[in-house]
Amino acid sequence: MARLSLPAGPRRPAPRRAAKPPPDTPRLLLLNKPFDVLTQFSPDGEGRATLKDYVDVPGVYPAGRLDRDSEGLLLLTNDGALQARIADPRHKLAKTYWVQVEGSPSKEQIRRLSEGVLLKDGPTLPAQARLLEPPALWERHPPVRFRQSIPTAWLELTIREGRNRQVRRMTAAVGLPTLRLVRMRIGPWGLEGLAPGEWREVPLALD
């Protein structure tokens, strides 16, 4: 899984136009959100990129969020019930991230991430955490700034919560600051085959 290779995309490709199904047809889109793109369709007062620069599908909205400085899988739908179920942390839908951290993770740090970390807003639920071989991902623009004297490593972290900036806070709590964060999977949906800024439509179903 760690050797997934995705094609590199342009910084801000022209939005793809979708076929127009009946207006009441439920739809689910998978988007590979690039770095530095806001998870909103409304214009940004500072001129930053938004979802409108990539998705030209009327009536869909993000199901959950992905921070501007994070990349990867974002789900968009026009189905309110599905949107609520994906975004609501009570449903504990698994979310998998590939995380580049500063430092060399020890077995103890991996154990702490797996068993739960105490954050300011309380302990996290147990997670799945493991070391990852450096994945063959697209280049980030702008690139990550590294400190030459400090090594980096990649982790795969699967959580079932949706707290604000949770993954970054978890790795920082165990002494591994996050340098790059890419969400690879949400529940049954994965990022495979999507370059940054690309999206595809999938059947709307959630067991």
C-alpha atoms as a PDB file:
ATOM      1  CA  MET A   1       0.000   0.000   0.000  1.00  0.00           C
ATOM      2  CA  ALA A   2       2.826   2.398   0.786  1.00  0.00           C
ATOM      3  CA  ARG A   3       4.111   2.333  -2.783  1.00  0.00           C
ATOM      4  CA  LEU A   4       0.984   3.892  -4.238  1.00  0.00           C
ATOM      5  CA  SER A   5       2.085   6.185  -7.052  1.00  0.00           C
ATOM      6  CA  LEU A   6      -0.213   8.940  -8.189  1.00  0.00           C
ATOM      7  CA  PRO A   7       0.367  11.222 -11.170  1.00  0.00           C
ATOM      8  CA  ALA A   8       1.305  14.808 -10.500  1.00  0.00           C
ATOM      9  CA  GLY A   9      -1.322  17.392 -11.367  1.00  0.00           C
ATOM     10  CA  PRO A  10      -1.079  21.071 -12.268  1.00  0.00           C
ATOM     11  CA  ARG A  11      -1.298  23.665  -9.533  1.00  0.00           C
ATOM     12  CA  ARG A  12      -4.783  24.819 -10.443  1.00  0.00           C
ATOM     13  CA  PRO A  13      -6.332  22.800 -13.295  1.00  0.00           C
ATOM     14  CA  ALA A  14      -9.423  23.964 -15.118  1.00  0.00           C
ATOM     15  CA  PRO A  15     -12.555  22.688 -13.354  1.00  0.00           C
ATOM     16  CA  ARG A  16     -13.941  19.531 -14.905  1.00  0.00           C
ATOM     17  CA  ARG A  17     -17.492  19.836 -16.156  1.00  0.00           C
ATOM     18  CA  ALA A  18     -19.794  17.027 -15.168  1.00  0.00           C
ATOM     19  CA  ALA A  19     -22.795  15.547 -16.886  1.00  0.00           C
ATOM     20  CA  LYS A  20     -26.040  16.900 -15.478  1.00  0.00           C
ATOM     21  CA  PRO A  21     -28.203  14.212 -13.851  1.00  0.00           C
ATOM     22  CA  PRO A  22     -31.697  15.022 -12.588  1.00  0.00           C
ATOM     23  CA  PRO A  23     -31.420  17.698  -9.862  1.00  0.00           C
ATOM     24  CA  ASP A  24     -32.715  15.401  -7.104  1.00  0.00           C
ATOM     25  CA  THR A  25     -30.258  12.568  -7.855  1.00  0.00           C
ATOM     26  CA  PRO A  26     -27.960  11.885  -4.864  1.00  0.00           C
ATOM     27  CA  ARG A  27     -24.287  12.259  -5.846  1.00  0.00           C
ATOM     28  CA  LEU A  28     -20.964  11.489  -4.194  1.00  0.00           C
ATOM     29  CA  LEU A  29     -17.650  12.878  -5.468  1.00  0.00           C
ATOM     30  CA  LEU A  30     -14.109  11.967  -4.381  1.00  0.00           C
ATOM     31  CA  LEU A  31     -11.636  14.845  -4.698  1.00  0.00           C
ATOM     32  CA  ASN A  32      -7.875  14.869  -4.173  1.00  0.00           C
ATOM     33  CA  LYS A  33      -7.650  18.277  -2.499  1.00  0.00           C
ATOM     34  CA  PRO A  34      -4.304  19.936  -3.149  1.00  0.00           C
ATOM     35  CA  PHE A  35      -2.243  21.700  -0.509  1.00  0.00           C
ATOM     36  CA  ASP A  36      -3.221  25.327   0.205  1.00  0.00           C
ATOM     37  CA  VAL A  37      -6.802  24.929  -1.038  1.00  0.00           C
ATOM     38  CA  LEU A  38      -9.640  26.003   1.258  1.00  0.00           C
ATOM     39  CA  THR A  39     -12.446  23.500   1.882  1.00  0.00           C
ATOM     40  CA  GLN A  40     -15.191  25.857   0.734  1.00  0.00           C
ATOM     41  CA  PHE A  41     -16.838  27.001  -2.480  1.00  0.00           C
ATOM     42  CA  SER A  42     -17.340  30.621  -1.461  1.00  0.00           C
ATOM     43  CA  PRO A  43     -14.695  33.123  -2.605  1.00  0.00           C
ATOM     44  CA  ASP A  44     -11.811  33.797  -0.270  1.00  0.00           C
ATOM     45  CA  GLY A  45     -11.115  37.431   0.585  1.00  0.00           C
ATOM     46  CA  GLU A  46      -7.382  36.835   0.280  1.00  0.00           C
ATOM     47  CA  GLY A  47      -7.560  35.321  -3.196  1.00  0.00           C
ATOM     48  CA  ARG A  48      -6.639  31.794  -2.104  1.00  0.00           C
ATOM     49  CA  ALA A  49      -7.785  28.741  -4.062  1.00  0.00           C
ATOM     50  CA  THR A  50     -11.084  27.105  -3.083  1.00  0.00           C
ATOM     51  CA  LEU A  51     -13.001  24.032  -4.169  1.00  0.00           C
ATOM     52  CA  LYS A  52     -14.677  26.132  -6.869  1.00  0.00           C
ATOM     53  CA  ASP A  53     -11.346  26.149  -8.731  1.00  0.00           C
ATOM     54  CA  TYR A  54     -11.499  22.357  -9.093  1.00  0.00           C
ATOM     55  CA  VAL A  55     -15.106  21.138  -8.922  1.00  0.00           C
ATOM     56  CA  ASP A  56     -17.806  22.476 -11.252  1.00  0.00           C
ATOM     57  CA  VAL A  57     -20.738  20.468  -9.928  1.00  0.00           C
ATOM     58  CA  PRO A  58     -23.716  22.454  -8.628  1.00  0.00           C
ATOM     59  CA  GLY A  59     -25.293  21.531  -5.318  1.00  0.00           C
ATOM     60  CA  VAL A  60     -22.490  19.469  -3.760  1.00  0.00           C
ATOM     61  CA  TYR A  61     -20.852  20.370  -0.462  1.00  0.00           C
ATOM     62  CA  PRO A  62     -17.949  18.937   1.574  1.00  0.00           C
ATOM     63  CA  ALA A  63     -18.810  16.083   3.911  1.00  0.00           C
ATOM     64  CA  GLY A  64     -16.355  16.983   6.646  1.00  0.00           C
ATOM     65  CA  ARG A  65     -13.322  19.196   6.324  1.00  0.00           C
ATOM     66  CA  LEU A  66      -9.657  19.011   5.421  1.00  0.00           C
ATOM     67  CA  ASP A  67      -7.365  21.796   6.601  1.00  0.00           C
ATOM     68  CA  ARG A  68      -5.845  24.178   4.071  1.00  0.00           C
ATOM     69  CA  ASP A  69      -2.365  22.842   4.851  1.00  0.00           C
ATOM     70  CA  SER A  70      -3.443  19.206   4.453  1.00  0.00           C
ATOM     71  CA  GLU A  71      -3.890  17.237   1.234  1.00  0.00           C
ATOM     72  CA  GLY A  72      -5.799  14.264  -0.036  1.00  0.00           C
ATOM     73  CA  LEU A  73      -9.253  12.755   0.016  1.00  0.00           C
ATOM     74  CA  LEU A  74     -12.271  14.995   0.439  1.00  0.00           C
ATOM     75  CA  LEU A  75     -15.828  13.773  -0.084  1.00  0.00           C
ATOM     76  CA  LEU A  76     -18.478  16.018  -1.610  1.00  0.00           C
ATOM     77  CA  THR A  77     -22.158  15.221  -1.835  1.00  0.00           C
ATOM     78  CA  ASN A  78     -25.580  16.776  -2.352  1.00  0.00           C
ATOM     79  CA  ASP A  79     -27.147  14.219   0.002  1.00  0.00           C
ATOM     80  CA  GLY A  80     -27.694  15.854   3.394  1.00  0.00           C
ATOM     81  CA  ALA A  81     -28.101  12.611   5.317  1.00  0.00           C
ATOM     82  CA  LEU A  82     -24.858  11.170   3.929  1.00  0.00           C
ATOM     83  CA  GLN A  83     -23.043  14.451   4.510  1.00  0.00           C
ATOM     84  CA  ALA A  84     -24.105  14.437   8.155  1.00  0.00           C
ATOM     85  CA  ARG A  85     -23.188  10.802   8.647  1.00  0.00           C
ATOM     86  CA  ILE A  86     -19.695  11.243   7.202  1.00  0.00           C
ATOM     87  CA  ALA A  87     -18.993  14.446   9.095  1.00  0.00           C
ATOM     88  CA  ASP A  88     -20.527  13.453  12.438  1.00  0.00           C
ATOM     89  CA  PRO A  89     -17.809  12.010  14.746  1.00  0.00           C
ATOM     90  CA  ARG A  90     -20.447   9.922  16.542  1.00  0.00           C
ATOM     91  CA  HIS A  91     -20.454   7.537  13.578  1.00  0.00           C
ATOM     92  CA  LYS A  92     -16.694   6.985  14.022  1.00  0.00           C
ATOM     93  CA  LEU A  93     -16.028   6.500  10.308  1.00  0.00           C
ATOM     94  CA  ALA A  94     -12.403   5.424   9.901  1.00  0.00           C
ATOM     95  CA  LYS A  95     -10.057   7.949   8.274  1.00  0.00           C
ATOM     96  CA  THR A  96      -6.560   6.925   7.185  1.00  0.00           C
ATOM     97  CA  TYR A  97      -3.704   9.401   6.837  1.00  0.00           C
ATOM     98  CA  TRP A  98      -0.143   9.215   5.616  1.00  0.00           C
ATOM     99  CA  VAL A  99       1.868  11.512   7.828  1.00  0.00           C
ATOM    100  CA  GLN A 100       5.417  12.723   7.320  1.00  0.00           C
ATOM    101  CA  VAL A 101       6.870  13.586  10.715  1.00  0.00           C
ATOM    102  CA  GLU A 102      10.041  15.152  11.972  1.00  0.00           C
ATOM    103  CA  GLY A 103      12.176  12.653  13.873  1.00  0.00           C
ATOM    104  CA  SER A 104      12.618   8.882  14.010  1.00  0.00           C
ATOM    105  CA  PRO A 105       9.536   7.274  15.617  1.00  0.00           C
ATOM    106  CA  SER A 106      10.273   4.795  18.387  1.00  0.00           C
ATOM    107  CA  LYS A 107       8.205   1.755  19.312  1.00  0.00           C
ATOM    108  CA  GLU A 108       7.038   3.638  22.395  1.00  0.00           C
ATOM    109  CA  GLN A 109       5.809   6.591  20.318  1.00  0.00           C
ATOM    110  CA  ILE A 110       3.952   4.249  17.961  1.00  0.00           C
ATOM    111  CA  ARG A 111       2.401   2.516  20.979  1.00  0.00           C
ATOM    112  CA  ARG A 112       1.222   5.818  22.449  1.00  0.00           C
ATOM    113  CA  LEU A 113      -0.391   6.842  19.175  1.00  0.00           C
ATOM    114  CA  SER A 114      -2.111   3.450  18.951  1.00  0.00           C
ATOM    115  CA  GLU A 115      -3.421   3.418  22.513  1.00  0.00           C
ATOM    116  CA  GLY A 116      -4.607   7.026  22.568  1.00  0.00           C
ATOM    117  CA  VAL A 117      -2.987  10.366  23.312  1.00  0.00           C
ATOM    118  CA  LEU A 118      -4.004  12.886  25.955  1.00  0.00           C
ATOM    119  CA  LEU A 119      -4.800  16.209  24.280  1.00  0.00           C
ATOM    120  CA  LYS A 120      -6.074  19.449  25.798  1.00  0.00           C
ATOM    121  CA  ASP A 121      -9.647  18.466  24.919  1.00  0.00           C
ATOM    122  CA  GLY A 122      -9.282  14.983  26.408  1.00  0.00           C
ATOM    123  CA  PRO A 123      -7.803  11.606  25.441  1.00  0.00           C
ATOM    124  CA  THR A 124      -8.144  10.354  21.890  1.00  0.00           C
ATOM    125  CA  LEU A 125      -9.684   7.021  21.036  1.00  0.00           C
ATOM    126  CA  PRO A 126      -7.337   4.129  20.255  1.00  0.00           C
ATOM    127  CA  ALA A 127      -5.989   4.373  16.716  1.00  0.00           C
ATOM    128  CA  GLN A 128      -4.059   2.238  14.258  1.00  0.00           C
ATOM    129  CA  ALA A 129      -0.493   3.473  13.797  1.00  0.00           C
ATOM    130  CA  ARG A 130       2.474   1.988  11.995  1.00  0.00           C
ATOM    131  CA  LEU A 131       5.687   3.015  10.285  1.00  0.00           C
ATOM    132  CA  LEU A 132       5.439   3.431   6.528  1.00  0.00           C
ATOM    133  CA  GLU A 133       8.030   3.182   3.800  1.00  0.00           C
ATOM    134  CA  PRO A 134       8.398   6.584   2.078  1.00  0.00           C
ATOM    135  CA  PRO A 135       5.446   6.593  -0.352  1.00  0.00           C
ATOM    136  CA  ALA A 136       5.696   7.572  -4.006  1.00  0.00           C
ATOM    137  CA  LEU A 137       3.415  10.592  -3.757  1.00  0.00           C
ATOM    138  CA  TRP A 138       3.163  13.665  -5.942  1.00  0.00           C
ATOM    139  CA  GLU A 139       5.404  16.610  -5.119  1.00  0.00           C
ATOM    140  CA  ARG A 140       3.852  19.204  -2.865  1.00  0.00           C
ATOM    141  CA  HIS A 141       3.779  22.841  -3.968  1.00  0.00           C
ATOM    142  CA  PRO A 142       5.349  24.587  -2.175  1.00  0.00           C
ATOM    143  CA  PRO A 143       7.623  21.787  -0.948  1.00  0.00           C
ATOM    144  CA  VAL A 144       8.001  20.877   2.705  1.00  0.00           C
ATOM    145  CA  ARG A 145      10.788  22.720   4.505  1.00  0.00           C
ATOM    146  CA  PHE A 146      13.180  20.266   6.124  1.00  0.00           C
ATOM    147  CA  ARG A 147      15.883  20.739   8.718  1.00  0.00           C
ATOM    148  CA  GLN A 148      18.968  18.987   7.374  1.00  0.00           C
ATOM    149  CA  SER A 149      20.142  17.861  10.802  1.00  0.00           C
ATOM    150  CA  ILE A 150      16.860  16.127  11.724  1.00  0.00           C
ATOM    151  CA  PRO A 151      15.603  12.946  10.017  1.00  0.00           C
ATOM    152  CA  THR A 152      12.020  12.461   8.876  1.00  0.00           C
ATOM    153  CA  ALA A 153       9.766   9.422   8.662  1.00  0.00           C
ATOM    154  CA  TRP A 154       6.324   8.432   7.410  1.00  0.00           C
ATOM    155  CA  LEU A 155       3.502   6.990   9.493  1.00  0.00           C
ATOM    156  CA  GLU A 156       0.135   5.539   8.568  1.00  0.00           C
ATOM    157  CA  LEU A 157      -2.448   6.626  11.118  1.00  0.00           C
ATOM    158  CA  THR A 158      -6.105   5.577  11.138  1.00  0.00           C
ATOM    159  CA  ILE A 159      -8.462   7.383  13.493  1.00  0.00           C
ATOM    160  CA  ARG A 160     -12.213   7.302  14.120  1.00  0.00           C
ATOM    161  CA  GLU A 161     -12.704  10.831  15.394  1.00  0.00           C
ATOM    162  CA  GLY A 162     -12.871  14.240  13.778  1.00  0.00           C
ATOM    163  CA  ARG A 163     -11.364  16.742  16.185  1.00  0.00           C
ATOM    164  CA  ASN A 164      -9.822  19.940  14.916  1.00  0.00           C
ATOM    165  CA  ARG A 165      -6.317  19.234  13.568  1.00  0.00           C
ATOM    166  CA  GLN A 166      -6.339  15.978  15.494  1.00  0.00           C
ATOM    167  CA  VAL A 167      -3.592  14.093  13.647  1.00  0.00           C
ATOM    168  CA  ARG A 168      -1.167  17.004  13.897  1.00  0.00           C
ATOM    169  CA  ARG A 169      -1.924  17.374  17.591  1.00  0.00           C
ATOM    170  CA  MET A 170      -1.481  13.642  18.217  1.00  0.00           C
ATOM    171  CA  THR A 171       1.931  13.421  16.566  1.00  0.00           C
ATOM    172  CA  ALA A 172       3.088  16.605  18.304  1.00  0.00           C
ATOM    173  CA  ALA A 173       1.968  15.195  21.666  1.00  0.00           C
ATOM    174  CA  VAL A 174       4.356  12.258  21.284  1.00  0.00           C
ATOM    175  CA  GLY A 175       7.249  14.421  20.071  1.00  0.00           C
ATOM    176  CA  LEU A 176       6.845  13.943  16.303  1.00  0.00           C
ATOM    177  CA  PRO A 177       5.805  17.215  14.642  1.00  0.00           C
ATOM    178  CA  THR A 178       3.876  16.747  11.403  1.00  0.00           C
ATOM    179  CA  LEU A 179       5.522  18.079   8.251  1.00  0.00           C
ATOM    180  CA  ARG A 180       3.071  16.787   5.653  1.00  0.00           C
ATOM    181  CA  LEU A 181      -0.381  15.280   6.011  1.00  0.00           C
ATOM    182  CA  VAL A 182      -2.236  13.386   3.271  1.00  0.00           C
ATOM    183  CA  ARG A 183      -5.631  11.790   3.861  1.00  0.00           C
ATOM    184  CA  MET A 184      -5.753   8.544   1.886  1.00  0.00           C
ATOM    185  CA  ARG A 185      -9.066   6.948   2.855  1.00  0.00           C
ATOM    186  CA  ILE A 186     -12.434   7.686   4.458  1.00  0.00           C
ATOM    187  CA  GLY A 187     -14.431   4.570   5.285  1.00  0.00           C
ATOM    188  CA  PRO A 188     -14.752   2.535   2.062  1.00  0.00           C
ATOM    189  CA  TRP A 189     -13.537   5.346  -0.211  1.00  0.00           C
ATOM    190  CA  GLY A 190      -9.891   5.720  -1.253  1.00  0.00           C
ATOM    191  CA  LEU A 191      -7.707   8.182  -3.120  1.00  0.00           C
ATOM    192  CA  GLU A 192      -6.290   5.708  -5.638  1.00  0.00           C
ATOM    193  CA  GLY A 193      -5.913   7.038  -9.174  1.00  0.00           C
ATOM    194  CA  LEU A 194      -6.572  10.705  -8.421  1.00  0.00           C
ATOM    195  CA  ALA A 195      -3.902  13.330  -9.026  1.00  0.00           C
ATOM    196  CA  PRO A 196      -4.053  16.584  -7.030  1.00  0.00           C
ATOM    197  CA  GLY A 197      -7.077  18.587  -8.109  1.00  0.00           C
ATOM    198  CA  GLU A 198      -8.793  15.626  -9.817  1.00  0.00           C
ATOM    199  CA  TRP A 199     -12.110  14.100  -8.788  1.00  0.00           C
ATOM    200  CA  ARG A 200     -14.355  11.231  -9.751  1.00  0.00           C
ATOM    201  CA  GLU A 201     -17.957  10.316  -9.035  1.00  0.00           C
ATOM    202  CA  VAL A 202     -18.751   7.027  -7.270  1.00  0.00           C
ATOM    203  CA  PRO A 203     -21.957   5.196  -6.386  1.00  0.00           C
ATOM    204  CA  LEU A 204     -23.578   6.643  -3.291  1.00  0.00           C
ATOM    205  CA  ALA A 205     -23.668   3.897  -0.715  1.00  0.00           C
ATOM    206  CA  LEU A 206     -22.590   3.558   2.904  1.00  0.00           C
ATOM    207  CA  ASP A 207     -23.138   0.369   4.886  1.00  0.00           C
END
